[in-house]
Structure formats: C-alpha cells, structure tokens
N, C-alpha and C. Protein backbone atom coordinates (compact mmCIF):
# COMPACT_ATOMS: atom_id res chain seq x y z
N MET A 1 -11.57 -5.44 -84.83
CA MET A 1 -10.77 -5.94 -83.83
C MET A 1 -11.22 -5.60 -82.39
N ILE A 2 -10.86 -6.42 -81.21
CA ILE A 2 -11.29 -6.26 -80.10
C ILE A 2 -10.20 -5.49 -79.48
N THR A 3 -10.70 -4.41 -78.90
CA THR A 3 -9.64 -3.54 -78.01
C THR A 3 -9.32 -4.24 -76.74
N PRO A 4 -8.05 -4.07 -76.47
CA PRO A 4 -7.65 -4.92 -75.40
C PRO A 4 -8.30 -4.67 -74.03
N TYR A 5 -8.80 -3.55 -73.77
CA TYR A 5 -9.38 -3.30 -72.37
C TYR A 5 -10.60 -4.26 -72.30
N LEU A 6 -11.29 -4.58 -73.27
CA LEU A 6 -12.44 -5.52 -73.37
C LEU A 6 -12.30 -6.88 -72.66
N ASN A 7 -11.01 -7.17 -72.66
CA ASN A 7 -10.50 -8.46 -72.07
C ASN A 7 -10.54 -8.41 -70.46
N ASP A 8 -10.47 -7.44 -69.96
CA ASP A 8 -10.28 -7.06 -68.64
C ASP A 8 -11.64 -6.54 -68.03
N VAL A 9 -12.35 -7.47 -67.31
CA VAL A 9 -13.69 -6.98 -66.99
C VAL A 9 -13.76 -5.91 -65.97
N TYR A 10 -12.74 -5.60 -65.41
CA TYR A 10 -12.65 -4.36 -64.54
C TYR A 10 -11.90 -3.45 -65.16
N ALA A 11 -12.22 -3.30 -66.40
CA ALA A 11 -11.35 -2.23 -67.20
C ALA A 11 -12.58 -0.86 -66.97
N ARG A 12 -12.00 0.00 -66.96
CA ARG A 12 -13.10 1.16 -66.36
C ARG A 12 -14.30 1.32 -67.24
N GLU A 13 -14.18 1.18 -68.58
CA GLU A 13 -15.06 1.36 -69.65
C GLU A 13 -16.29 0.28 -69.38
N VAL A 14 -15.83 -0.86 -68.98
CA VAL A 14 -16.81 -2.01 -68.49
C VAL A 14 -17.54 -1.81 -67.35
N VAL A 15 -16.85 -1.46 -66.40
CA VAL A 15 -17.58 -0.88 -65.05
C VAL A 15 -18.46 0.17 -65.42
N MET A 16 -18.07 1.20 -66.06
CA MET A 16 -18.89 2.34 -66.45
C MET A 16 -20.26 2.03 -67.45
N ALA A 17 -19.87 1.01 -68.15
CA ALA A 17 -21.08 0.24 -68.94
C ALA A 17 -22.33 -0.08 -68.00
N ARG A 18 -21.68 -0.63 -66.82
CA ARG A 18 -22.89 -1.26 -66.03
C ARG A 18 -23.80 -0.09 -65.28
N VAL A 19 -23.16 1.05 -65.64
CA VAL A 19 -24.23 2.25 -65.02
C VAL A 19 -24.45 3.00 -66.26
N GLY A 20 -24.55 2.57 -67.32
CA GLY A 20 -24.66 3.27 -68.88
C GLY A 20 -25.75 4.22 -68.61
N HIS A 21 -26.93 4.05 -67.86
CA HIS A 21 -27.86 5.13 -67.84
C HIS A 21 -27.64 6.27 -67.19
N LEU A 22 -26.39 6.43 -66.56
CA LEU A 22 -25.83 7.59 -66.08
C LEU A 22 -25.42 8.66 -67.07
N ILE A 23 -25.44 9.72 -66.96
CA ILE A 23 -24.43 10.82 -67.45
C ILE A 23 -23.03 10.22 -67.23
N ARG A 24 -22.08 10.71 -68.15
CA ARG A 24 -20.69 10.33 -68.30
C ARG A 24 -19.98 10.84 -66.74
N ARG A 25 -20.38 11.94 -66.32
CA ARG A 25 -19.46 12.40 -65.30
C ARG A 25 -20.15 11.26 -64.05
N LYS A 26 -21.29 11.08 -63.93
CA LYS A 26 -21.69 10.15 -62.94
C LYS A 26 -21.26 8.80 -62.87
N GLN A 27 -21.00 8.32 -64.24
CA GLN A 27 -20.37 7.00 -64.39
C GLN A 27 -18.94 7.04 -63.85
N ARG A 28 -18.31 8.08 -64.36
CA ARG A 28 -16.74 8.16 -63.91
C ARG A 28 -16.66 8.34 -62.20
N GLU A 29 -17.75 8.90 -61.65
CA GLU A 29 -17.70 8.96 -60.20
C GLU A 29 -18.03 7.59 -59.72
N VAL A 30 -18.99 7.07 -60.23
CA VAL A 30 -19.40 5.66 -59.60
C VAL A 30 -18.01 4.41 -59.52
N GLU A 31 -17.43 4.59 -60.91
CA GLU A 31 -16.32 3.89 -61.13
C GLU A 31 -15.15 3.98 -60.17
N ARG A 32 -15.00 5.46 -60.03
CA ARG A 32 -13.89 5.93 -59.05
C ARG A 32 -14.25 5.53 -57.50
N ILE A 33 -15.30 5.58 -56.99
CA ILE A 33 -15.80 5.16 -55.75
C ILE A 33 -15.63 3.65 -55.55
N THR A 34 -16.11 3.02 -56.67
CA THR A 34 -15.86 1.64 -56.41
C THR A 34 -14.41 1.06 -56.41
N ARG A 35 -13.34 1.86 -57.34
CA ARG A 35 -12.12 1.47 -57.24
C ARG A 35 -11.38 1.70 -55.94
N MET A 36 -11.82 2.83 -55.38
CA MET A 36 -11.42 3.49 -54.02
C MET A 36 -11.68 2.55 -53.24
N LEU A 37 -12.95 1.96 -52.99
CA LEU A 37 -13.59 0.95 -52.05
C LEU A 37 -12.60 -0.41 -52.07
N ARG A 38 -12.51 -0.73 -53.23
CA ARG A 38 -11.84 -2.06 -53.56
C ARG A 38 -10.12 -1.85 -53.05
N SER A 39 -9.78 -1.01 -53.35
CA SER A 39 -8.29 -0.63 -53.17
C SER A 39 -7.75 -0.23 -51.84
N LEU A 40 -8.97 0.67 -51.36
CA LEU A 40 -8.60 1.04 -49.67
C LEU A 40 -9.20 0.18 -48.70
N PHE A 41 -9.87 -0.81 -48.99
CA PHE A 41 -10.17 -1.82 -47.97
C PHE A 41 -8.99 -2.29 -47.19
N ASP A 42 -9.20 -2.19 -46.10
CA ASP A 42 -7.94 -2.77 -45.09
C ASP A 42 -8.22 -3.86 -44.12
N PRO A 43 -8.27 -5.03 -44.44
CA PRO A 43 -8.77 -6.20 -43.54
C PRO A 43 -7.53 -6.47 -42.78
N GLY A 44 -6.42 -6.00 -42.92
CA GLY A 44 -5.46 -5.98 -41.73
C GLY A 44 -5.53 -5.48 -40.47
N GLN A 45 -6.61 -4.48 -40.29
CA GLN A 45 -7.10 -3.80 -39.21
C GLN A 45 -7.77 -4.72 -38.06
N VAL A 46 -8.19 -5.84 -38.38
CA VAL A 46 -8.71 -6.74 -37.62
C VAL A 46 -8.10 -7.99 -37.62
N LEU A 47 -8.02 -8.78 -36.25
CA LEU A 47 -7.51 -10.40 -36.34
C LEU A 47 -8.38 -11.10 -36.79
N ALA A 48 -8.12 -12.08 -37.72
CA ALA A 48 -9.14 -12.89 -38.32
C ALA A 48 -8.34 -14.22 -38.78
N LEU A 49 -9.04 -15.17 -38.89
CA LEU A 49 -8.39 -16.48 -39.40
C LEU A 49 -8.08 -16.52 -40.85
N GLU A 50 -9.29 -16.00 -41.54
CA GLU A 50 -9.10 -15.86 -42.92
C GLU A 50 -9.03 -14.46 -43.58
N PRO A 51 -8.28 -14.60 -44.73
CA PRO A 51 -8.13 -13.16 -45.26
C PRO A 51 -9.56 -12.47 -45.59
N GLY A 52 -9.45 -11.25 -45.40
CA GLY A 52 -10.52 -10.42 -45.74
C GLY A 52 -10.68 -10.23 -47.32
N LYS A 53 -11.93 -10.48 -47.67
CA LYS A 53 -12.44 -10.05 -49.32
C LYS A 53 -13.27 -9.42 -49.27
N ILE A 54 -13.74 -8.46 -50.34
CA ILE A 54 -14.85 -8.00 -50.80
C ILE A 54 -15.50 -8.69 -51.53
N LYS A 55 -16.70 -9.26 -51.43
CA LYS A 55 -17.48 -10.26 -52.24
C LYS A 55 -18.31 -9.54 -53.59
N ARG A 56 -18.68 -8.42 -53.07
CA ARG A 56 -19.65 -7.77 -53.99
C ARG A 56 -19.80 -6.50 -53.54
N ILE A 57 -19.79 -5.60 -54.47
CA ILE A 57 -20.10 -3.86 -54.37
C ILE A 57 -21.54 -3.70 -55.20
N ILE A 58 -22.30 -3.01 -54.74
CA ILE A 58 -23.65 -3.02 -55.37
C ILE A 58 -24.04 -1.38 -54.88
N LEU A 59 -24.27 -0.96 -56.29
CA LEU A 59 -24.82 0.45 -56.22
C LEU A 59 -26.68 0.31 -55.96
N ILE A 60 -27.07 0.91 -55.13
CA ILE A 60 -28.54 0.96 -54.88
C ILE A 60 -28.93 2.33 -54.75
N GLY A 61 -30.25 2.48 -54.56
CA GLY A 61 -30.97 3.65 -54.41
C GLY A 61 -31.09 4.55 -56.05
N PRO A 62 -31.17 5.92 -55.79
CA PRO A 62 -31.78 6.46 -56.87
C PRO A 62 -30.97 6.44 -58.19
N TYR A 63 -29.59 6.00 -58.14
CA TYR A 63 -28.82 6.06 -59.29
C TYR A 63 -28.97 4.58 -59.84
N ALA A 64 -29.15 3.59 -59.01
CA ALA A 64 -29.76 2.13 -59.57
C ALA A 64 -31.10 2.11 -60.12
N ARG A 65 -32.00 2.79 -59.42
CA ARG A 65 -33.39 3.04 -59.98
C ARG A 65 -33.61 4.04 -61.13
N ARG A 66 -32.46 4.53 -61.53
CA ARG A 66 -32.88 5.64 -62.34
C ARG A 66 -33.73 6.82 -62.14
N SER A 67 -33.47 6.86 -60.94
CA SER A 67 -34.42 8.35 -60.44
C SER A 67 -33.49 9.09 -59.87
N TRP A 68 -32.35 9.42 -60.19
CA TRP A 68 -31.73 10.25 -59.45
C TRP A 68 -31.88 11.61 -59.96
N TYR A 69 -31.66 12.64 -59.29
CA TYR A 69 -31.87 13.97 -59.53
C TYR A 69 -30.49 14.95 -59.21
N GLU A 70 -30.44 15.99 -59.82
CA GLU A 70 -29.28 17.04 -59.63
C GLU A 70 -29.83 18.35 -60.09
N ASP A 71 -29.94 19.21 -58.89
CA ASP A 71 -30.49 20.61 -59.22
C ASP A 71 -29.29 21.26 -59.01
N ARG A 72 -28.63 21.87 -60.01
CA ARG A 72 -27.42 22.70 -59.70
C ARG A 72 -27.91 24.46 -59.09
N ARG A 73 -28.98 24.71 -59.28
CA ARG A 73 -29.42 25.61 -58.82
C ARG A 73 -29.75 25.91 -57.17
N THR A 74 -30.18 24.92 -57.01
CA THR A 74 -30.62 24.62 -55.19
C THR A 74 -29.35 23.87 -54.34
N ILE A 75 -28.57 23.39 -55.39
CA ILE A 75 -27.38 22.41 -55.00
C ILE A 75 -27.90 21.07 -54.42
N GLU A 76 -28.98 20.59 -54.86
CA GLU A 76 -29.83 19.46 -54.30
C GLU A 76 -29.58 18.36 -55.22
N PHE A 77 -29.05 17.10 -54.69
CA PHE A 77 -28.75 16.07 -55.43
C PHE A 77 -28.80 14.66 -54.75
N SER A 78 -29.08 13.58 -55.29
CA SER A 78 -29.05 12.39 -54.88
C SER A 78 -27.49 11.81 -54.38
N ASP A 79 -27.63 11.17 -53.26
CA ASP A 79 -26.64 10.40 -52.74
C ASP A 79 -26.13 9.33 -53.50
N TYR A 80 -25.02 9.08 -53.62
CA TYR A 80 -24.57 7.53 -54.05
C TYR A 80 -24.69 6.51 -52.66
N GLU A 81 -25.29 5.56 -53.14
CA GLU A 81 -25.39 4.64 -52.05
C GLU A 81 -24.83 3.33 -52.45
N PHE A 82 -23.83 2.98 -51.81
CA PHE A 82 -22.99 1.61 -52.07
C PHE A 82 -23.15 0.72 -50.85
N TRP A 83 -23.51 -0.62 -51.29
CA TRP A 83 -23.52 -1.52 -50.24
C TRP A 83 -22.40 -2.67 -50.72
N VAL A 84 -21.65 -2.75 -49.59
CA VAL A 84 -20.23 -3.76 -50.00
C VAL A 84 -20.60 -4.98 -49.23
N VAL A 85 -20.47 -5.81 -49.75
CA VAL A 85 -20.62 -7.43 -48.88
C VAL A 85 -19.17 -7.94 -48.57
N VAL A 86 -18.82 -8.31 -47.59
CA VAL A 86 -17.61 -8.95 -47.32
C VAL A 86 -17.75 -10.31 -46.92
N ASN A 87 -16.51 -11.14 -46.97
CA ASN A 87 -16.68 -12.46 -46.67
C ASN A 87 -16.95 -12.96 -45.17
N HIS A 88 -16.56 -12.01 -44.27
CA HIS A 88 -16.83 -12.39 -42.89
C HIS A 88 -17.35 -11.03 -42.05
N PRO A 89 -18.03 -11.33 -40.98
CA PRO A 89 -18.48 -10.11 -40.23
C PRO A 89 -17.30 -9.28 -39.59
N LEU A 90 -16.31 -10.04 -39.36
CA LEU A 90 -15.10 -9.15 -38.92
C LEU A 90 -14.70 -8.03 -39.83
N PHE A 91 -14.98 -8.02 -40.93
CA PHE A 91 -14.44 -7.28 -41.94
C PHE A 91 -15.62 -5.99 -42.27
N THR A 92 -16.38 -6.14 -41.24
CA THR A 92 -17.72 -5.05 -41.19
C THR A 92 -17.08 -3.93 -40.32
N ASP A 93 -16.26 -4.32 -39.92
CA ASP A 93 -15.41 -3.30 -38.69
C ASP A 93 -15.07 -1.80 -39.32
N GLU A 94 -15.34 -1.08 -38.74
CA GLU A 94 -15.11 0.35 -39.25
C GLU A 94 -13.61 0.87 -39.62
N ARG A 95 -13.00 -0.08 -38.76
CA ARG A 95 -11.45 0.17 -39.14
C ARG A 95 -11.03 -0.21 -40.43
N CYS A 96 -11.68 -1.35 -41.03
CA CYS A 96 -11.22 -1.70 -42.37
C CYS A 96 -11.46 -0.60 -43.13
N TRP A 97 -12.37 0.41 -43.02
CA TRP A 97 -13.11 1.25 -43.98
C TRP A 97 -12.67 2.45 -43.67
N GLN A 98 -12.02 2.82 -42.77
CA GLN A 98 -11.77 4.35 -42.50
C GLN A 98 -11.08 5.11 -43.55
N ASN A 99 -9.87 4.25 -44.18
CA ASN A 99 -9.11 4.97 -45.18
C ASN A 99 -9.90 5.01 -46.49
N ALA A 100 -10.66 4.24 -46.72
CA ALA A 100 -11.57 4.45 -48.03
C ALA A 100 -12.59 5.39 -47.70
N ARG A 101 -13.47 5.57 -46.62
CA ARG A 101 -14.28 6.42 -46.42
C ARG A 101 -13.76 7.91 -46.28
N GLY A 102 -12.42 8.03 -45.71
CA GLY A 102 -11.76 9.28 -45.75
C GLY A 102 -11.02 9.71 -46.97
N THR A 103 -10.86 8.96 -47.94
CA THR A 103 -10.28 9.19 -49.25
C THR A 103 -11.58 9.55 -50.24
N ILE A 104 -12.52 8.75 -50.25
CA ILE A 104 -13.64 9.18 -50.77
C ILE A 104 -14.19 10.65 -50.27
N TYR A 105 -14.24 10.99 -49.03
CA TYR A 105 -14.82 12.15 -48.70
C TYR A 105 -13.78 13.40 -48.91
N ARG A 106 -12.47 13.12 -48.81
CA ARG A 106 -11.45 14.21 -49.25
C ARG A 106 -11.43 14.47 -50.74
N GLU A 107 -11.51 13.20 -51.66
CA GLU A 107 -11.57 13.54 -53.21
C GLU A 107 -12.85 13.94 -53.82
N LEU A 108 -13.97 13.40 -53.09
CA LEU A 108 -15.19 13.73 -53.78
C LEU A 108 -16.38 14.36 -52.93
N GLY A 109 -15.93 14.65 -51.78
CA GLY A 109 -16.97 14.91 -50.75
C GLY A 109 -17.72 16.37 -51.06
N ASN A 110 -17.06 17.33 -51.73
CA ASN A 110 -17.57 18.52 -51.94
C ASN A 110 -18.38 18.48 -53.22
N ARG A 111 -18.40 17.36 -53.86
CA ARG A 111 -19.17 17.31 -55.29
C ARG A 111 -20.34 16.22 -55.28
N CYS A 112 -20.23 15.37 -54.34
CA CYS A 112 -21.46 14.28 -54.24
C CYS A 112 -21.31 13.68 -52.73
N ALA A 113 -22.43 13.34 -52.38
CA ALA A 113 -22.68 12.63 -50.83
C ALA A 113 -22.52 11.24 -51.37
N VAL A 114 -21.57 10.47 -50.57
CA VAL A 114 -21.42 8.91 -50.75
C VAL A 114 -21.96 8.27 -49.42
N ASP A 115 -22.80 7.40 -49.33
CA ASP A 115 -23.10 6.51 -48.29
C ASP A 115 -22.57 5.03 -48.63
N VAL A 116 -21.85 4.52 -47.58
CA VAL A 116 -21.63 3.11 -47.84
C VAL A 116 -21.80 2.33 -46.51
N GLU A 117 -22.55 1.30 -46.92
CA GLU A 117 -23.04 0.35 -45.77
C GLU A 117 -22.38 -1.15 -45.96
N ILE A 118 -21.70 -1.53 -44.98
CA ILE A 118 -20.81 -2.71 -45.23
C ILE A 118 -21.54 -4.00 -44.49
N TYR A 119 -21.78 -4.97 -45.29
CA TYR A 119 -22.44 -6.32 -44.90
C TYR A 119 -21.71 -7.38 -44.90
N ALA A 120 -21.87 -8.47 -44.08
CA ALA A 120 -20.99 -9.67 -44.37
C ALA A 120 -21.99 -10.52 -45.04
N LYS A 121 -21.37 -11.42 -45.77
CA LYS A 121 -22.17 -12.40 -46.68
C LYS A 121 -23.18 -13.10 -45.81
N SER A 122 -22.93 -13.43 -44.40
CA SER A 122 -23.78 -14.29 -43.56
C SER A 122 -24.80 -13.41 -43.33
N ASP A 123 -24.77 -12.03 -43.06
CA ASP A 123 -26.01 -11.14 -43.04
C ASP A 123 -26.80 -11.17 -44.14
N ILE A 124 -26.19 -11.05 -45.46
CA ILE A 124 -27.21 -11.20 -46.60
C ILE A 124 -27.75 -12.50 -46.58
N ARG A 125 -27.28 -13.64 -46.32
CA ARG A 125 -27.96 -15.01 -46.12
C ARG A 125 -29.08 -14.99 -45.26
N THR A 126 -28.78 -14.33 -44.17
CA THR A 126 -29.85 -14.22 -43.02
C THR A 126 -31.16 -13.46 -43.58
N ALA A 127 -30.76 -12.54 -44.13
CA ALA A 127 -31.85 -11.53 -44.50
C ALA A 127 -32.69 -12.20 -45.60
N GLN A 128 -32.17 -13.09 -46.51
CA GLN A 128 -32.74 -13.76 -47.47
C GLN A 128 -33.68 -14.90 -46.92
N ALA A 129 -32.95 -15.68 -45.94
CA ALA A 129 -33.86 -16.58 -45.23
C ALA A 129 -35.17 -16.16 -44.47
N GLU A 130 -34.86 -14.66 -43.91
CA GLU A 130 -36.02 -14.47 -43.19
C GLU A 130 -36.79 -13.35 -44.00
N ARG A 131 -36.56 -13.11 -45.23
CA ARG A 131 -37.21 -12.81 -46.16
C ARG A 131 -37.38 -11.14 -45.67
N ASP A 132 -36.39 -10.70 -45.28
CA ASP A 132 -35.96 -9.11 -44.93
C ASP A 132 -36.01 -8.30 -46.10
N THR A 133 -37.36 -7.77 -46.39
CA THR A 133 -37.43 -6.84 -47.82
C THR A 133 -36.90 -5.76 -47.72
N PHE A 134 -36.07 -5.06 -46.59
CA PHE A 134 -35.34 -4.13 -46.74
C PHE A 134 -34.25 -4.33 -47.28
N ILE A 135 -33.77 -5.42 -47.06
CA ILE A 135 -32.04 -5.74 -47.54
C ILE A 135 -32.59 -6.45 -48.98
N VAL A 136 -33.22 -7.44 -48.83
CA VAL A 136 -33.54 -8.29 -50.21
C VAL A 136 -33.92 -7.23 -51.38
N ASP A 137 -34.78 -6.48 -51.17
CA ASP A 137 -35.55 -5.64 -52.44
C ASP A 137 -34.43 -4.74 -52.87
N ARG A 138 -33.66 -4.16 -51.92
CA ARG A 138 -32.54 -3.29 -52.36
C ARG A 138 -31.47 -3.95 -53.36
N ILE A 139 -30.96 -5.22 -52.71
CA ILE A 139 -30.02 -5.91 -53.30
C ILE A 139 -30.62 -6.39 -55.08
N GLU A 140 -31.88 -6.97 -54.94
CA GLU A 140 -32.49 -7.23 -56.16
C GLU A 140 -32.69 -6.01 -57.27
N ALA A 141 -33.07 -4.83 -56.58
CA ALA A 141 -32.98 -3.75 -57.48
C ALA A 141 -31.59 -3.04 -57.66
N GLY A 142 -30.58 -3.26 -56.98
CA GLY A 142 -29.32 -2.90 -57.21
C GLY A 142 -28.51 -3.06 -58.39
N ILE A 143 -27.49 -2.65 -58.67
CA ILE A 143 -26.69 -2.80 -59.79
C ILE A 143 -25.09 -3.30 -59.33
N THR A 144 -24.85 -4.57 -59.54
CA THR A 144 -23.65 -5.04 -59.08
C THR A 144 -22.65 -4.43 -59.94
N LEU A 145 -21.79 -3.46 -59.34
CA LEU A 145 -20.55 -3.12 -59.85
C LEU A 145 -19.14 -3.94 -59.88
N TYR A 146 -19.24 -4.77 -58.55
CA TYR A 146 -18.22 -5.69 -58.76
C TYR A 146 -18.67 -6.92 -58.01
N ARG A 147 -18.37 -8.23 -58.54
CA ARG A 147 -18.30 -9.45 -57.78
C ARG A 147 -17.47 -10.31 -57.93
N ALA A 148 -16.88 -10.87 -56.89
CA ALA A 148 -15.60 -11.35 -56.68
C ALA A 148 -15.47 -12.75 -57.76
N SER A 149 -16.43 -13.38 -57.81
CA SER A 149 -16.70 -14.62 -58.55
C SER A 149 -16.69 -14.29 -60.14
N ARG A 150 -16.77 -13.08 -60.43
CA ARG A 150 -17.04 -12.73 -61.91
C ARG A 150 -15.85 -11.87 -62.37
N ASP A 151 -15.51 -11.05 -61.50
CA ASP A 151 -14.65 -9.93 -62.11
C ASP A 151 -13.25 -10.00 -61.70
N ALA A 152 -12.20 -9.42 -62.67
CA ALA A 152 -10.83 -9.51 -62.54
C ALA A 152 -10.52 -8.60 -61.23
N ASP A 153 -9.09 -9.14 -60.89
CA ASP A 153 -8.30 -8.42 -59.74
C ASP A 153 -8.37 -7.00 -60.15
N LEU A 154 -8.58 -6.11 -59.16
CA LEU A 154 -8.54 -4.61 -59.58
C LEU A 154 -7.10 -4.11 -60.14
N TYR A 155 -5.83 -4.87 -60.12
CA TYR A 155 -4.66 -4.40 -60.64
C TYR A 155 -4.57 -5.50 -61.91
N SER A 156 -5.44 -6.22 -62.31
CA SER A 156 -5.11 -7.35 -63.38
C SER A 156 -4.85 -6.67 -64.62
N THR A 157 -3.95 -6.91 -65.36
CA THR A 157 -3.57 -6.30 -66.65
C THR A 157 -3.08 -7.58 -67.65
N ASN A 158 -2.73 -8.22 -67.15
CA ASN A 158 -2.40 -9.54 -67.98
C ASN A 158 -2.81 -10.99 -67.30
N GLY A 159 -3.86 -10.65 -66.51
CA GLY A 159 -4.48 -11.96 -66.14
C GLY A 159 -3.83 -12.68 -64.84
N SER A 160 -2.73 -12.38 -64.56
CA SER A 160 -1.67 -12.54 -63.69
C SER A 160 -2.37 -12.03 -62.22
N GLY A 161 -3.18 -11.16 -62.14
CA GLY A 161 -3.29 -10.25 -60.91
C GLY A 161 -2.28 -9.40 -60.30
N ASP A 162 -1.02 -9.39 -60.91
CA ASP A 162 0.00 -8.64 -60.68
C ASP A 162 -0.51 -7.27 -60.94
N ARG A 163 0.10 -6.40 -59.95
CA ARG A 163 -0.06 -4.90 -60.15
C ARG A 163 0.74 -4.45 -61.43
N PRO A 164 0.17 -3.46 -62.28
CA PRO A 164 1.01 -2.96 -63.31
C PRO A 164 2.31 -2.37 -62.93
C-alpha cells in the first residue's frame, strides 16, 4: 500500500530524501529552511507587473557535495548554502526576503549558519550563455530541493493548492 504522503511531492519525507546522504537532523534542517524560504517569500514588497514566484531552490556547497563537516568540540561546522531562483529581477530585492532571513536566523541561527543567495532566472540564463563557471558549476553540482515546474504547492494536501 502506498502511504498518502508519497503522492505529495512536497511532503516532508520526499524533500528530505533529496538530501538522504545527510544525517537525519541535517535533513530536517534543510527541509525546514526550504519550507521557510517558500512560505516567507514576500513579493508584495516590490511593485511588479507580474506575480513573484520562486522557480527553484538549490542546495549548494558542502552539504550538496557531501563534504560537510561538524566538530562539536571546536564548534566548527559547514554553512548551509541555498540559492533561490525567482521569475523576475525585481524579486531579488532584499525587502522580499527580510522576513524569511529573519525567521531563519531566529529559529536556526544558534544551531547552524545559513547563507541565502537570490538570483533571477534571467541571471542564470545569462551565466549559462556566458559560461560563467562560478554559477553554472554550482548549479550543476547542487541539489534541487524545489522546482516550481515539478513540485506541488507548499500547502497542497488535496492537489488543489488550498491551504490545509
């Protein structure tokens, strides 16, 4: 029998499986940060002709490369590095992300360092066209945690996209 959450591609367990190489606590933290980024993105902070949308959230850096470290004795650990791709350059504005960054810092700041970089889809296309290895290599080596064209709405429980 298939459990109901397997039908929801944003089910917590499915997202955590994308980072199955991490220990369980790290999987939960990555899923939680991803959920906060999606739910606290505030495109209403800027005037735009089109609605703001997150197109993709990518985990890059040591947690994606499977080279993360954590030393409780010296309190040294790898930072989480998230790249968020939005549909328009206006939505890279810091005002759209203040609430998300503040909440992540308040809720996880003392346990882990989180770096969030915001790019417009056009920035990524330009980087690919110009063969900008800094951006292209990180995207290719990263783990896509969320892709708008593939994943369910954040609050999808019945396929309608309605909040529970």
